Amino acid sequence: MTSTVSAKGQIVIPSGLRKRLGIKKGTRLSVSTRGGELILKPLSGQYFHEFPDKLDLKGLTVDDLLRERRKEKAKE
């Protein structure tokens, strides 16, 4: 599969991948690099939707936040 970057830096994620990963309009993506690769990961789960842009991450990664949320859920 290939995709072309637009003049605005936008790309189209092929529909098969979007369906397989549950990416829909409004899905937030984590964007990072590893070596020469671009990595896009969908951020899903109620935890992120409760605190859209007001979450103070305090240097925590998404993985750290998920780990903490899972611990909280396990206590419930």
Protein backbone atom coordinates (compact mmCIF):
# COMPACT_ATOMS: atom_id res chain seq x y z
CA MET A 1 0.00 0.00 0.00
CA THR A 2 1.12 3.51 -0.69
CA SER A 3 -0.13 7.00 0.06
CA THR A 4 0.99 10.41 -1.17
CA VAL A 5 1.65 13.40 1.07
CA SER A 6 -0.36 16.50 0.08
CA ALA A 7 1.01 20.06 -0.02
CA LYS A 8 -0.44 20.51 3.49
CA GLY A 9 1.40 17.42 4.81
CA GLN A 10 -1.75 15.29 4.86
CA ILE A 11 -1.95 11.62 3.95
CA VAL A 12 -4.82 9.24 3.29
CA ILE A 13 -4.83 6.05 5.34
CA PRO A 14 -6.22 3.27 3.11
CA SER A 15 -9.77 2.26 4.06
CA GLY A 16 -8.82 -1.36 4.79
CA LEU A 17 -6.30 -0.24 7.40
CA ARG A 18 -8.74 2.27 8.89
CA LYS A 19 -11.40 -0.42 9.27
CA ARG A 20 -8.98 -2.97 10.70
CA LEU A 21 -7.63 -0.49 13.28
CA GLY A 22 -10.97 1.16 14.07
CA ILE A 23 -9.85 4.56 12.83
CA LYS A 24 -12.83 6.83 12.17
CA LYS A 25 -13.39 10.54 11.66
CA GLY A 26 -12.10 12.29 14.76
CA THR A 27 -9.83 9.44 15.91
CA ARG A 28 -6.73 10.88 17.53
CA LEU A 29 -3.40 9.40 16.45
CA SER A 30 -0.08 9.29 18.22
CA VAL A 31 2.65 10.28 15.74
CA SER A 32 6.27 9.28 16.38
CA THR A 33 9.38 8.06 14.63
CA ARG A 34 11.64 5.07 15.09
CA GLY A 35 14.80 5.20 13.05
CA GLY A 36 13.65 6.29 9.60
CA GLU A 37 10.06 5.09 10.10
CA LEU A 38 6.95 7.14 10.79
CA ILE A 39 4.69 5.45 13.33
CA LEU A 40 0.98 6.26 13.66
CA LYS A 41 -1.00 4.68 16.51
CA PRO A 42 -4.69 5.25 17.14
CA LEU A 43 -5.43 6.54 20.62
CA SER A 44 -8.58 4.84 21.71
CA GLY A 45 -10.47 4.20 24.90
CA GLN A 46 -12.71 6.30 27.07
CA TYR A 47 -9.74 7.59 29.09
CA PHE A 48 -8.52 9.82 26.28
CA HIS A 49 -11.97 11.03 25.27
CA GLU A 50 -12.70 12.23 28.82
CA PHE A 51 -9.74 14.63 28.78
CA PRO A 52 -9.21 15.69 25.15
CA ASP A 53 -6.74 18.58 25.16
CA LYS A 54 -6.77 19.50 28.82
CA LEU A 55 -4.82 16.51 30.08
CA ASP A 56 -1.51 17.54 31.67
CA LEU A 57 0.73 14.65 30.69
CA LYS A 58 3.63 15.69 32.98
CA GLY A 59 6.10 13.93 30.71
CA LEU A 60 4.18 10.63 30.68
CA THR A 61 3.89 8.62 27.50
CA VAL A 62 0.65 7.17 26.19
CA ASP A 63 1.85 3.74 27.35
CA ASP A 64 2.41 5.12 30.87
CA LEU A 65 -1.11 6.58 30.92
CA LEU A 66 -2.67 3.34 29.70
CA ARG A 67 -0.74 1.32 32.28
CA GLU A 68 -1.97 3.62 35.07
CA ARG A 69 -5.56 3.50 33.81
CA ARG A 70 -5.48 -0.30 33.72
CA LYS A 71 -4.26 -0.36 37.32
CA GLU A 72 -7.15 1.93 38.32
CA LYS A 73 -9.66 -0.28 36.52
CA ALA A 74 -8.27 -3.42 38.18
CA LYS A 75 -8.89 -1.86 41.62
CA GLU A 76 -12.56 -1.11 40.78
